[in-house]
C-alpha atoms as a PDB file:
ATOM      1  CA  MET A   1     -31.255 -70.607-111.967  1.00  0.00           C
ATOM      2  CA  ALA A   2     -33.309 -68.213-109.888  1.00  0.00           C
ATOM      3  CA  LEU A   3     -37.220 -68.235-109.379  1.00  0.00           C
ATOM      4  CA  PRO A   4     -39.208 -65.319-111.040  1.00  0.00           C
ATOM      5  CA  GLU A   5     -39.734 -62.780-108.102  1.00  0.00           C
ATOM      6  CA  SER A   6     -43.557 -63.921-108.310  1.00  0.00           C
ATOM      7  CA  VAL A   7     -42.835 -67.250-108.104  1.00  0.00           C
ATOM      8  CA  ASP A   8     -40.627 -66.802-105.442  1.00  0.00           C
ATOM      9  CA  GLU A   9     -42.780 -65.351-103.238  1.00  0.00           C
ATOM     10  CA  ARG A  10     -45.805 -67.681-104.062  1.00  0.00           C
ATOM     11  CA  LEU A  11     -43.467 -70.469-102.411  1.00  0.00           C
ATOM     12  CA  ARG A  12     -42.753 -68.499 -99.591  1.00  0.00           C
ATOM     13  CA  GLN A  13     -46.258 -67.920 -98.604  1.00  0.00           C
ATOM     14  CA  ALA A  14     -47.104 -71.990 -99.743  1.00  0.00           C
ATOM     15  CA  MET A  15     -43.881 -72.817 -97.201  1.00  0.00           C
ATOM     16  CA  ARG A  16     -45.496 -70.539 -94.488  1.00  0.00           C
ATOM     17  CA  ARG A  17     -48.858 -72.007 -94.764  1.00  0.00           C
ATOM     18  CA  VAL A  18     -47.295 -75.486 -94.542  1.00  0.00           C
ATOM     19  CA  LEU A  19     -45.160 -75.021 -91.518  1.00  0.00           C
ATOM     20  CA  LEU A  20     -48.326 -73.671 -90.044  1.00  0.00           C
ATOM     21  CA  ALA A  21     -50.648 -76.480 -90.551  1.00  0.00           C
ATOM     22  CA  THR A  22     -48.010 -78.771 -89.155  1.00  0.00           C
ATOM     23  CA  LEU A  23     -48.655 -77.025 -85.638  1.00  0.00           C
ATOM     24  CA  PRO A  24     -51.179 -79.566 -84.556  1.00  0.00           C
ATOM     25  CA  GLY A  25     -49.054 -82.197 -84.923  1.00  0.00           C
ATOM     26  CA  VAL A  26     -46.285 -80.726 -83.552  1.00  0.00           C
ATOM     27  CA  LEU A  27     -48.309 -79.658 -80.517  1.00  0.00           C
ATOM     28  CA  ALA A  28     -49.779 -83.628 -80.257  1.00  0.00           C
ATOM     29  CA  LEU A  29     -46.011 -85.018 -80.663  1.00  0.00           C
ATOM     30  CA  LEU A  30     -44.689 -82.656 -77.689  1.00  0.00           C
ATOM     31  CA  TRP A  31     -47.470 -83.735 -75.383  1.00  0.00           C
ATOM     32  CA  PHE A  32     -47.352 -87.406 -75.974  1.00  0.00           C
ATOM     33  CA  TYR A  33     -43.824 -87.697 -76.475  1.00  0.00           C
ATOM     34  CA  GLY A  34     -41.872 -84.589 -75.150  1.00  0.00           C
ATOM     35  CA  TRP A  35     -38.885 -82.708 -75.357  1.00  0.00           C
ATOM     36  CA  GLY A  36     -37.262 -85.329 -77.366  1.00  0.00           C
ATOM     37  CA  VAL A  37     -39.647 -84.236 -80.362  1.00  0.00           C
ATOM     38  CA  ALA A  38     -38.364 -80.390 -80.020  1.00  0.00           C
ATOM     39  CA  LEU A  39     -35.025 -81.492 -79.917  1.00  0.00           C
ATOM     40  CA  ASN A  40     -35.431 -82.802 -83.216  1.00  0.00           C
ATOM     41  CA  LEU A  41     -37.163 -80.004 -84.603  1.00  0.00           C
ATOM     42  CA  LEU A  42     -33.984 -77.504 -83.581  1.00  0.00           C
ATOM     43  CA  LEU A  43     -31.161 -80.110 -84.498  1.00  0.00           C
ATOM     44  CA  CYS A  44     -32.859 -80.663 -87.867  1.00  0.00           C
ATOM     45  CA  GLY A  45     -33.353 -77.115 -88.514  1.00  0.00           C
ATOM     46  CA  VAL A  46     -30.161 -75.706 -87.390  1.00  0.00           C
ATOM     47  CA  THR A  47     -28.293 -78.612 -89.878  1.00  0.00           C
ATOM     48  CA  ALA A  48     -30.739 -77.671 -92.787  1.00  0.00           C
ATOM     49  CA  LEU A  49     -29.853 -74.160 -92.613  1.00  0.00           C
ATOM     50  CA  ALA A  50     -26.161 -74.698 -92.422  1.00  0.00           C
ATOM     51  CA  ALA A  51     -26.527 -77.062 -95.087  1.00  0.00           C
ATOM     52  CA  GLU A  52     -28.311 -74.840 -97.288  1.00  0.00           C
ATOM     53  CA  ALA A  53     -26.080 -71.739 -96.396  1.00  0.00           C
ATOM     54  CA  LEU A  54     -22.894 -73.795 -97.402  1.00  0.00           C
ATOM     55  CA  VAL A  55     -24.197 -75.147-100.279  1.00  0.00           C
ATOM     56  CA  LEU A  56     -25.119 -71.680-101.790  1.00  0.00           C
ATOM     57  CA  ARG A  57     -21.985 -70.183-100.999  1.00  0.00           C
ATOM     58  CA  LEU A  58     -19.993 -73.337-102.858  1.00  0.00           C
ATOM     59  CA  ARG A  59     -22.600 -72.808-105.573  1.00  0.00           C
ATOM     60  CA  GLY A  60     -22.144 -69.167-105.648  1.00  0.00           C
ATOM     61  CA  ARG A  61     -25.433 -68.409-105.252  1.00  0.00           C
ATOM     62  CA  PRO A  62     -26.926 -65.412-103.182  1.00  0.00           C
ATOM     63  CA  LEU A  63     -27.828 -66.603 -99.619  1.00  0.00           C
ATOM     64  CA  SER A  64     -31.187 -64.714 -99.074  1.00  0.00           C
ATOM     65  CA  PRO A  65     -33.529 -65.891-101.215  1.00  0.00           C
ATOM     66  CA  GLY A  66     -32.392 -69.426-101.150  1.00  0.00           C
ATOM     67  CA  LEU A  67     -32.555 -69.865 -97.291  1.00  0.00           C
ATOM     68  CA  GLY A  68     -35.768 -66.955 -97.352  1.00  0.00           C
ATOM     69  CA  ASP A  69     -37.804 -69.326 -99.397  1.00  0.00           C
ATOM     70  CA  GLY A  70     -38.622 -71.149 -96.809  1.00  0.00           C
ATOM     71  CA  SER A  71     -38.386 -74.879 -98.584  1.00  0.00           C
ATOM     72  CA  ALA A  72     -34.699 -76.189 -96.401  1.00  0.00           C
ATOM     73  CA  TRP A  73     -36.379 -75.226 -92.819  1.00  0.00           C
ATOM     74  CA  VAL A  74     -40.255 -77.044 -93.948  1.00  0.00           C
ATOM     75  CA  SER A  75     -38.206 -80.227 -95.508  1.00  0.00           C
ATOM     76  CA  ALA A  76     -36.278 -80.141 -92.197  1.00  0.00           C
ATOM     77  CA  THR A  77     -39.393 -79.816 -90.000  1.00  0.00           C
ATOM     78  CA  LEU A  78     -41.104 -82.936 -91.847  1.00  0.00           C
ATOM     79  CA  LEU A  79     -38.164 -84.706 -91.481  1.00  0.00           C
ATOM     80  CA  ALA A  80     -37.372 -83.907 -87.487  1.00  0.00           C
ATOM     81  CA  LEU A  81     -41.190 -84.935 -87.087  1.00  0.00           C
ATOM     82  CA  ALA A  82     -41.071 -88.426 -88.493  1.00  0.00           C
ATOM     83  CA  LEU A  83     -37.718 -89.233 -87.302  1.00  0.00           C
ATOM     84  CA  PRO A  84     -38.078 -91.276 -83.750  1.00  0.00           C
ATOM     85  CA  ALA A  85     -38.036 -88.699 -80.754  1.00  0.00           C
ATOM     86  CA  TYR A  86     -35.184 -88.991 -79.019  1.00  0.00           C
ATOM     87  CA  CYS A  87     -32.948 -90.390 -81.453  1.00  0.00           C
ATOM     88  CA  PRO A  88     -29.293 -89.552 -81.305  1.00  0.00           C
ATOM     89  CA  TRP A  89     -28.308 -86.153 -82.499  1.00  0.00           C
ATOM     90  CA  TRP A  90     -26.110 -87.401 -85.132  1.00  0.00           C
ATOM     91  CA  LEU A  91     -28.965 -89.030 -87.282  1.00  0.00           C
ATOM     92  CA  GLY A  92     -31.224 -85.951 -87.308  1.00  0.00           C
ATOM     93  CA  VAL A  93     -28.140 -84.353 -88.404  1.00  0.00           C
ATOM     94  CA  THR A  94     -27.165 -86.811 -90.841  1.00  0.00           C
ATOM     95  CA  ALA A  95     -30.623 -87.276 -92.128  1.00  0.00           C
ATOM     96  CA  THR A  96     -31.272 -83.313 -92.821  1.00  0.00           C
ATOM     97  CA  ALA A  97     -27.386 -82.995 -94.349  1.00  0.00           C
ATOM     98  CA  CYS A  98     -28.532 -85.462 -96.758  1.00  0.00           C
ATOM     99  CA  ALA A  99     -31.896 -84.695 -97.456  1.00  0.00           C
ATOM    100  CA  LEU A 100     -30.491 -81.321 -98.565  1.00  0.00           C
ATOM    101  CA  LEU A 101     -27.556 -82.211-100.206  1.00  0.00           C
ATOM    102  CA  PHE A 102     -28.745 -85.489-102.012  1.00  0.00           C
ATOM    103  CA  GLY A 103     -32.457 -84.512-102.382  1.00  0.00           C
ATOM    104  CA  LYS A 104     -32.184 -81.235-103.545  1.00  0.00           C
ATOM    105  CA  HIS A 105     -28.783 -79.114-104.139  1.00  0.00           C
ATOM    106  CA  LEU A 106     -27.757 -82.262-106.119  1.00  0.00           C
ATOM    107  CA  TRP A 107     -30.210 -82.214-108.831  1.00  0.00           C
ATOM    108  CA  GLY A 108     -30.288 -77.907-109.199  1.00  0.00           C
ATOM    109  CA  GLY A 109     -31.812 -76.694-105.921  1.00  0.00           C
ATOM    110  CA  VAL A 110     -35.317 -76.250-105.143  1.00  0.00           C
ATOM    111  CA  GLY A 111     -37.956 -76.522-108.248  1.00  0.00           C
ATOM    112  CA  THR A 112     -35.439 -79.541-109.866  1.00  0.00           C
ATOM    113  CA  ASN A 113     -35.490 -82.417-107.673  1.00  0.00           C
ATOM    114  CA  PRO A 114     -37.273 -85.554-108.931  1.00  0.00           C
ATOM    115  CA  PHE A 115     -37.031 -87.260-105.238  1.00  0.00           C
ATOM    116  CA  ASN A 116     -39.027 -85.950-102.184  1.00  0.00           C
ATOM    117  CA  PRO A 117     -36.054 -84.779 -99.995  1.00  0.00           C
ATOM    118  CA  ALA A 118     -37.533 -85.183 -96.566  1.00  0.00           C
ATOM    119  CA  MET A 119     -38.353 -89.141 -97.404  1.00  0.00           C
ATOM    120  CA  LEU A 120     -34.673 -89.698 -98.946  1.00  0.00           C
ATOM    121  CA  GLY A 121     -32.953 -88.619 -95.989  1.00  0.00           C
ATOM    122  CA  TYR A 122     -35.615 -90.764 -93.639  1.00  0.00           C
ATOM    123  CA  ALA A 123     -34.926 -93.494 -95.915  1.00  0.00           C
ATOM    124  CA  LEU A 124     -31.403 -93.019 -96.040  1.00  0.00           C
ATOM    125  CA  VAL A 125     -30.698 -93.064 -92.205  1.00  0.00           C
ATOM    126  CA  LEU A 126     -33.323 -96.229 -91.798  1.00  0.00           C
ATOM    127  CA  VAL A 127     -31.293 -98.497 -94.095  1.00  0.00           C
ATOM    128  CA  ALA A 128     -27.903 -97.159 -92.487  1.00  0.00           C
ATOM    129  CA  PHE A 129     -29.098 -97.052 -89.052  1.00  0.00           C
ATOM    130  CA  PRO A 130     -31.570 -99.772 -88.512  1.00  0.00           C
ATOM    131  CA  ALA A 131     -31.058-100.044 -84.759  1.00  0.00           C
ATOM    132  CA  HIS A 132     -31.451 -96.143 -84.375  1.00  0.00           C
ATOM    133  CA  MET A 133     -34.667 -96.032 -86.119  1.00  0.00           C
ATOM    134  CA  SER A 134     -36.558 -98.458 -84.159  1.00  0.00           C
ATOM    135  CA  GLN A 135     -36.342 -96.803 -81.022  1.00  0.00           C
ATOM    136  CA  TRP A 136     -39.538 -95.148 -80.318  1.00  0.00           C
ATOM    137  CA  PRO A 137     -40.270 -93.618 -77.309  1.00  0.00           C
ATOM    138  CA  VAL A 138     -43.583 -94.679 -75.352  1.00  0.00           C
ATOM    139  CA  PRO A 139     -45.461 -92.075 -74.034  1.00  0.00           C
ATOM    140  CA  HIS A 140     -44.696 -89.472 -71.760  1.00  0.00           C
ATOM    141  CA  GLY A 141     -41.868 -91.731 -70.787  1.00  0.00           C
ATOM    142  CA  MET A 142     -38.900 -89.257 -70.363  1.00  0.00           C
ATOM    143  CA  GLY A 143     -38.238 -85.728 -68.682  1.00  0.00           C
ATOM    144  CA  LEU A 144     -36.086 -82.856 -70.315  1.00  0.00           C
ATOM    145  CA  VAL A 145     -32.793 -83.888 -68.313  1.00  0.00           C
ATOM    146  CA  GLU A 146     -33.105 -87.656 -69.294  1.00  0.00           C
ATOM    147  CA  GLY A 147     -34.174 -86.503 -72.924  1.00  0.00           C
ATOM    148  CA  LEU A 148     -30.803 -84.415 -73.334  1.00  0.00           C
ATOM    149  CA  GLN A 149     -28.915 -87.457 -72.127  1.00  0.00           C
ATOM    150  CA  GLN A 150     -30.399 -89.793 -74.366  1.00  0.00           C
ATOM    151  CA  VAL A 151     -30.340 -87.659 -77.571  1.00  0.00           C
ATOM    152  CA  PHE A 152     -26.134 -86.506 -76.564  1.00  0.00           C
ATOM    153  CA  GLY A 153     -25.248 -89.655 -74.998  1.00  0.00           C
ATOM    154  CA  THR A 154     -24.002 -88.711 -72.033  1.00  0.00           C
ATOM    155  CA  HIS A 155     -25.965 -91.669 -69.876  1.00  0.00           C
ATOM    156  CA  SER A 156     -27.688 -94.580 -70.667  1.00  0.00           C
ATOM    157  CA  ALA A 157     -31.401 -94.451 -70.805  1.00  0.00           C
ATOM    158  CA  PRO A 158     -34.005 -94.939 -68.782  1.00  0.00           C
ATOM    159  CA  ASP A 159     -35.625 -98.476 -68.293  1.00  0.00           C
ATOM    160  CA  ALA A 160     -38.833 -99.185 -70.585  1.00  0.00           C
ATOM    161  CA  TRP A 161     -37.995 -95.539 -72.042  1.00  0.00           C
ATOM    162  CA  ALA A 162     -38.960 -97.015 -75.890  1.00  0.00           C
ATOM    163  CA  GLY A 163     -40.954 -99.935 -76.904  1.00  0.00           C
ATOM    164  CA  ALA A 164     -42.905-101.793 -80.073  1.00  0.00           C
ATOM    165  CA  THR A 165     -44.943 -99.637 -81.974  1.00  0.00           C
ATOM    166  CA  ALA A 166     -48.862-100.625 -82.746  1.00  0.00           C
ATOM    167  CA  LEU A 167     -47.254-101.641 -86.025  1.00  0.00           C
ATOM    168  CA  ASP A 168     -44.669-103.532 -85.245  1.00  0.00           C
ATOM    169  CA  SER A 169     -46.419-105.315 -82.971  1.00  0.00           C
ATOM    170  CA  LEU A 170     -48.915-106.399 -85.313  1.00  0.00           C
ATOM    171  CA  ARG A 171     -46.365-107.736 -87.851  1.00  0.00           C
ATOM    172  CA  ILE A 172     -45.129-110.001 -85.330  1.00  0.00           C
ATOM    173  CA  ASN A 173     -47.934-110.859 -83.551  1.00  0.00           C
ATOM    174  CA  ASN A 174     -49.707-114.457 -83.799  1.00  0.00           C
ATOM    175  CA  SER A 175     -51.563-115.397 -80.895  1.00  0.00           C
ATOM    176  CA  LEU A 176     -53.595-112.527 -79.793  1.00  0.00           C
ATOM    177  CA  THR A 177     -56.779-111.371 -81.684  1.00  0.00           C
ATOM    178  CA  ILE A 178     -56.913-107.770 -82.407  1.00  0.00           C
ATOM    179  CA  ASP A 179     -59.460-107.023 -79.712  1.00  0.00           C
ATOM    180  CA  GLU A 180     -57.108-108.496 -77.048  1.00  0.00           C
ATOM    181  CA  LEU A 181     -54.209-106.553 -78.484  1.00  0.00           C
ATOM    182  CA  PHE A 182     -56.454-103.409 -77.930  1.00  0.00           C
ATOM    183  CA  ALA A 183     -57.403-104.498 -74.603  1.00  0.00           C
ATOM    184  CA  HIS A 184     -54.138-105.365 -73.175  1.00  0.00           C
ATOM    185  CA  HIS A 185     -50.994-104.021 -75.393  1.00  0.00           C
ATOM    186  CA  PRO A 186     -49.567-100.895 -74.149  1.00  0.00           C
ATOM    187  CA  ALA A 187     -49.169 -99.509 -77.856  1.00  0.00           C
ATOM    188  CA  PHE A 188     -52.273 -99.828 -79.026  1.00  0.00           C
ATOM    189  CA  GLY A 189     -55.424 -97.164 -78.201  1.00  0.00           C
ATOM    190  CA  ARG A 190     -58.714 -96.512 -78.822  1.00  0.00           C
ATOM    191  CA  PHE A 191     -58.572 -97.327 -82.388  1.00  0.00           C
ATOM    192  CA  GLY A 192     -55.204 -96.743 -83.444  1.00  0.00           C
ATOM    193  CA  GLY A 193     -51.513 -96.832 -81.873  1.00  0.00           C
ATOM    194  CA  ARG A 194     -51.531 -95.266 -78.271  1.00  0.00           C
ATOM    195  CA  GLY A 195     -50.999 -91.499 -78.614  1.00  0.00           C
ATOM    196  CA  ILE A 196     -50.609 -91.563 -82.243  1.00  0.00           C
ATOM    197  CA  GLU A 197     -53.553 -92.016 -83.172  1.00  0.00           C
ATOM    198  CA  TRP A 198     -54.179 -88.345 -81.655  1.00  0.00           C
ATOM    199  CA  VAL A 199     -51.289 -87.084 -83.474  1.00  0.00           C
ATOM    200  CA  ASN A 200     -52.572 -88.361 -87.049  1.00  0.00           C
ATOM    201  CA  LEU A 201     -55.913 -86.703 -86.173  1.00  0.00           C
ATOM    202  CA  ALA A 202     -53.972 -83.382 -86.056  1.00  0.00           C
ATOM    203  CA  PHE A 203     -52.179 -83.935 -88.998  1.00  0.00           C
ATOM    204  CA  LEU A 204     -55.377 -84.521 -90.570  1.00  0.00           C
ATOM    205  CA  ALA A 205     -56.697 -80.934 -88.922  1.00  0.00           C
ATOM    206  CA  GLY A 206     -53.828 -79.418 -90.282  1.00  0.00           C
ATOM    207  CA  GLY A 207     -54.133 -80.924 -93.835  1.00  0.00           C
ATOM    208  CA  LEU A 208     -57.714 -80.209 -94.174  1.00  0.00           C
ATOM    209  CA  PHE A 209     -56.508 -76.680 -93.466  1.00  0.00           C
ATOM    210  CA  LEU A 210     -54.221 -76.770 -96.635  1.00  0.00           C
ATOM    211  CA  LEU A 211     -56.764 -78.238 -98.347  1.00  0.00           C
ATOM    212  CA  GLN A 212     -58.990 -74.662 -97.438  1.00  0.00           C
ATOM    213  CA  GLN A 213     -56.237 -72.417 -98.085  1.00  0.00           C
ATOM    214  CA  ARG A 214     -55.305 -74.211-101.656  1.00  0.00           C
ATOM    215  CA  VAL A 215     -52.092 -75.136-101.124  1.00  0.00           C
ATOM    216  CA  PHE A 216     -52.516 -78.215-102.923  1.00  0.00           C
ATOM    217  CA  THR A 217     -55.571 -79.837-104.775  1.00  0.00           C
ATOM    218  CA  TRP A 218     -57.434 -82.919-103.209  1.00  0.00           C
ATOM    219  CA  HIS A 219     -56.134 -85.429-105.492  1.00  0.00           C
ATOM    220  CA  ALA A 220     -53.078 -86.964-104.299  1.00  0.00           C
ATOM    221  CA  PRO A 221     -53.966 -87.444-100.130  1.00  0.00           C
ATOM    222  CA  VAL A 222     -57.533 -88.414-101.028  1.00  0.00           C
ATOM    223  CA  GLY A 223     -55.897 -91.049-103.916  1.00  0.00           C
ATOM    224  CA  MET A 224     -53.598 -92.370-101.003  1.00  0.00           C
ATOM    225  CA  LEU A 225     -56.094 -92.508 -98.104  1.00  0.00           C
ATOM    226  CA  ALA A 226     -58.885 -93.933-100.430  1.00  0.00           C
ATOM    227  CA  SER A 227     -56.455 -96.742-101.497  1.00  0.00           C
ATOM    228  CA  LEU A 228     -55.273 -97.142 -98.209  1.00  0.00           C
ATOM    229  CA  PHE A 229     -58.728 -97.966 -96.925  1.00  0.00           C
ATOM    230  CA  VAL A 230     -59.841-100.054 -99.746  1.00  0.00           C
ATOM    231  CA  ILE A 231     -56.842-102.682 -99.866  1.00  0.00           C
ATOM    232  CA  SER A 232     -56.971-102.711 -96.156  1.00  0.00           C
ATOM    233  CA  LEU A 233     -60.618-103.521 -96.151  1.00  0.00           C
ATOM    234  CA  LEU A 234     -60.586-106.156 -98.837  1.00  0.00           C
ATOM    235  CA  CYS A 235     -57.786-108.009 -96.607  1.00  0.00           C
ATOM    236  CA  TRP A 236     -58.994-107.024 -93.280  1.00  0.00           C
ATOM    237  CA  ASN A 237     -60.086-110.606 -91.673  1.00  0.00           C
ATOM    238  CA  GLY A 238     -61.448-109.680 -88.487  1.00  0.00           C
ATOM    239  CA  SER A 239     -60.197-109.876 -85.682  1.00  0.00           C
ATOM    240  CA  GLY A 240     -58.189-112.939 -85.023  1.00  0.00           C
ATOM    241  CA  SER A 241     -54.625-113.526 -84.523  1.00  0.00           C
ATOM    242  CA  ASP A 242     -53.694-113.831 -88.046  1.00  0.00           C
ATOM    243  CA  SER A 243     -55.611-110.403 -88.686  1.00  0.00           C
ATOM    244  CA  HIS A 244     -53.464-107.113 -90.450  1.00  0.00           C
ATOM    245  CA  GLY A 245     -55.187-104.829 -88.633  1.00  0.00           C
ATOM    246  CA  SER A 246     -58.862-102.782 -89.905  1.00  0.00           C
ATOM    247  CA  PRO A 247     -58.806 -99.958 -92.175  1.00  0.00           C
ATOM    248  CA  LEU A 248     -59.217 -97.223 -89.496  1.00  0.00           C
ATOM    249  CA  LEU A 249     -55.851 -98.723 -88.067  1.00  0.00           C
ATOM    250  CA  HIS A 250     -54.226 -97.846 -90.660  1.00  0.00           C
ATOM    251  CA  LEU A 251     -55.244 -94.587 -91.229  1.00  0.00           C
ATOM    252  CA  PHE A 252     -54.436 -93.530 -87.804  1.00  0.00           C
ATOM    253  CA  THR A 253     -51.433 -95.363 -87.167  1.00  0.00           C
ATOM    254  CA  GLY A 254     -48.159 -94.991 -88.108  1.00  0.00           C
ATOM    255  CA  ALA A 255     -47.163 -91.860 -90.613  1.00  0.00           C
ATOM    256  CA  THR A 256     -50.672 -91.965 -92.487  1.00  0.00           C
ATOM    257  CA  MET A 257     -51.526 -88.690 -92.254  1.00  0.00           C
ATOM    258  CA  LEU A 258     -48.449 -86.887 -92.350  1.00  0.00           C
ATOM    259  CA  GLY A 259     -47.851 -88.909 -95.380  1.00  0.00           C
ATOM    260  CA  ALA A 260     -51.027 -87.750 -96.973  1.00  0.00           C
ATOM    261  CA  PHE A 261     -51.105 -84.143 -96.218  1.00  0.00           C
ATOM    262  CA  PHE A 262     -47.548 -82.935 -95.808  1.00  0.00           C
ATOM    263  CA  ILE A 263     -45.583 -85.987 -98.284  1.00  0.00           C
ATOM    264  CA  VAL A 264     -47.387 -86.765-100.994  1.00  0.00           C
ATOM    265  CA  THR A 265     -48.554 -83.165-101.468  1.00  0.00           C
ATOM    266  CA  GLU A 266     -44.998 -82.094-101.764  1.00  0.00           C
ATOM    267  CA  PRO A 267     -45.423 -80.475-105.508  1.00  0.00           C
ATOM    268  CA  ILE A 268     -42.039 -81.043-107.169  1.00  0.00           C
ATOM    269  CA  SER A 269     -41.536 -84.524-106.992  1.00  0.00           C
ATOM    270  CA  GLY A 270     -44.886 -85.382-107.580  1.00  0.00           C
ATOM    271  CA  ALA A 271     -47.520 -85.161-110.308  1.00  0.00           C
ATOM    272  CA  ARG A 272     -48.409 -82.330-112.475  1.00  0.00           C
ATOM    273  CA  LEU A 273     -51.834 -83.188-113.660  1.00  0.00           C
ATOM    274  CA  PRO A 274     -54.846 -84.160-111.245  1.00  0.00           C
ATOM    275  CA  LEU A 275     -54.995 -87.814-112.622  1.00  0.00           C
ATOM    276  CA  ALA A 276     -51.903 -88.314-112.411  1.00  0.00           C
ATOM    277  CA  ARG A 277     -51.712 -86.912-108.591  1.00  0.00           C
ATOM    278  CA  LEU A 278     -54.963 -89.519-108.010  1.00  0.00           C
ATOM    279  CA  LEU A 279     -53.151 -92.308-109.221  1.00  0.00           C
ATOM    280  CA  PHE A 280     -49.773 -91.357-107.690  1.00  0.00           C
ATOM    281  CA  GLY A 281     -51.114 -90.969-104.074  1.00  0.00           C
ATOM    282  CA  ALA A 282     -53.852 -94.687-104.781  1.00  0.00           C
ATOM    283  CA  GLY A 283     -49.637 -95.877-105.743  1.00  0.00           C
ATOM    284  CA  VAL A 284     -48.535 -94.647-102.035  1.00  0.00           C
ATOM    285  CA  GLY A 285     -51.197 -95.717-100.243  1.00  0.00           C
ATOM    286  CA  LEU A 286     -51.023 -99.256-101.680  1.00  0.00           C
ATOM    287  CA  LEU A 287     -47.210 -99.406-100.874  1.00  0.00           C
ATOM    288  CA  VAL A 288     -47.650 -98.408 -97.900  1.00  0.00           C
ATOM    289  CA  TYR A 289     -50.137-101.266 -96.685  1.00  0.00           C
ATOM    290  CA  LEU A 290     -47.926-103.762 -98.941  1.00  0.00           C
ATOM    291  CA  ILE A 291     -44.932-102.672 -96.657  1.00  0.00           C
ATOM    292  CA  ARG A 292     -46.558-102.546 -93.418  1.00  0.00           C
ATOM    293  CA  THR A 293     -48.194-106.476 -94.289  1.00  0.00           C
ATOM    294  CA  TRP A 294     -45.562-108.275 -96.049  1.00  0.00           C
ATOM    295  CA  GLY A 295     -42.152-106.005 -95.787  1.00  0.00           C
ATOM    296  CA  SER A 296     -39.239-105.551 -93.883  1.00  0.00           C
ATOM    297  CA  TYR A 297     -40.448-101.973 -92.617  1.00  0.00           C
ATOM    298  CA  PRO A 298     -43.961-101.559 -89.843  1.00  0.00           C
ATOM    299  CA  ASP A 299     -44.426 -98.484 -91.564  1.00  0.00           C
ATOM    300  CA  GLY A 300     -43.215 -97.751 -95.277  1.00  0.00           C
ATOM    301  CA  VAL A 301     -44.670 -94.425 -96.453  1.00  0.00           C
ATOM    302  CA  ALA A 302     -40.761 -93.115 -97.468  1.00  0.00           C
ATOM    303  CA  PHE A 303     -40.418 -96.059 -99.220  1.00  0.00           C
ATOM    304  CA  ALA A 304     -43.706 -96.170-100.944  1.00  0.00           C
ATOM    305  CA  VAL A 305     -43.528 -92.215-101.664  1.00  0.00           C
ATOM    306  CA  LEU A 306     -39.648 -92.489-103.239  1.00  0.00           C
ATOM    307  CA  LEU A 307     -40.668 -95.410-105.474  1.00  0.00           C
ATOM    308  CA  MET A 308     -43.542 -93.597-106.728  1.00  0.00           C
ATOM    309  CA  ASN A 309     -41.535 -90.618-107.532  1.00  0.00           C
ATOM    310  CA  LEU A 310     -39.821 -93.216-109.910  1.00  0.00           C
ATOM    311  CA  GLY A 311     -42.894 -93.342-111.774  1.00  0.00           C
ATOM    312  CA  VAL A 312     -43.958 -89.779-111.694  1.00  0.00           C
ATOM    313  CA  PRO A 313     -42.848 -89.220-115.783  1.00  0.00           C
ATOM    314  CA  ALA A 314     -45.191 -92.194-116.581  1.00  0.00           C
ATOM    315  CA  LEU A 315     -47.917 -91.031-114.659  1.00  0.00           C
ATOM    316  CA  ASP A 316     -47.881 -87.601-116.433  1.00  0.00           C
ATOM    317  CA  ARG A 317     -47.338 -89.085-119.440  1.00  0.00           C
ATOM    318  CA  LEU A 318     -50.751 -91.140-119.302  1.00  0.00           C
ATOM    319  CA  ALA A 319     -52.646 -88.259-117.950  1.00  0.00           C
ATOM    320  CA  GLU A 320     -51.772 -86.325-120.638  1.00  0.00           C
ATOM    321  CA  ALA A 321     -52.736 -88.769-123.297  1.00  0.00           C
ATOM    322  CA  ARG A 322     -56.415 -89.416-121.766  1.00  0.00           C
ATOM    323  CA  GLN A 323     -56.515 -85.375-121.551  1.00  0.00           C
ATOM    324  CA  ARG A 324     -56.049 -85.454-125.561  1.00  0.00           C
ATOM    325  CA  ARG A 325     -58.345 -88.050-126.287  1.00  0.00           C
ATOM    326  CA  GLN A 326     -61.116 -85.996-124.431  1.00  0.00           C
ATOM    327  CA  PRO A 327     -63.216 -84.340-126.743  1.00  0.00           C
ATOM    328  CA  THR A 328     -63.028 -80.660-126.465  1.00  0.00           C
END
């Protein structure tokens, strides 16, 4: 069913603002990780437009509204930013095609998806191709020619182009204190992961812009960040070798700010009512910490979001029941 014209225009405006808000994070990623980020954006974007056009044609729908609302481009952009830079070209293509086919059109198209499309595509390739999804480049580690050769598999990668992330290193560490990791381990920066701490700050700036523009309400991002802060504070056991990391480390490492302001705020797969959004975000923050600390994956934003997508109907019912009980 086609969206009303006014709704369709609001959707286009919101998608344009979201893309604009990703710009600080994109620039930070480009600065630290180079051309691999741009290649991800290009491959995922082209794949998204091609997959969207193909499915719309097969469904007998007009191309212009579907391609023009910007939702496919936003999903592709968020997915490209979440994937490792310099991952094989087919990985981004596969993730994007799966995101749109299984995360969006399988459920009827825009406005009907129960799961976040970008995170569904990410989770599918993470489960299917874990080795490729664990190769994260070190900052400033590869030039354009070397990057193209790596992405398209025409030449072996230069030595030490990839390395363990801060979250990876924290999970497997059993001998160094947190202070020693920050002082000597190349994956750690000033207060978070090297490079990625500034990327998180850039996405935080973009997220605050979206809040100022009222693209979404504060409930889901504040719920996620507050929950992650509280649980990491309660479980923080100082700087010993068995430490799980400080709240500051968890807030500014991995995909925390991208998840808080660009993923959990997705309106269709998220909760509708303010209380439900707050609980949705809080659940994501809690699950992110549990997966990072005791799970099999170092970050876990994608799995946390998808698991909480399953609970959205219950959260909305809980919020509606509480709303009915309040005196008018």
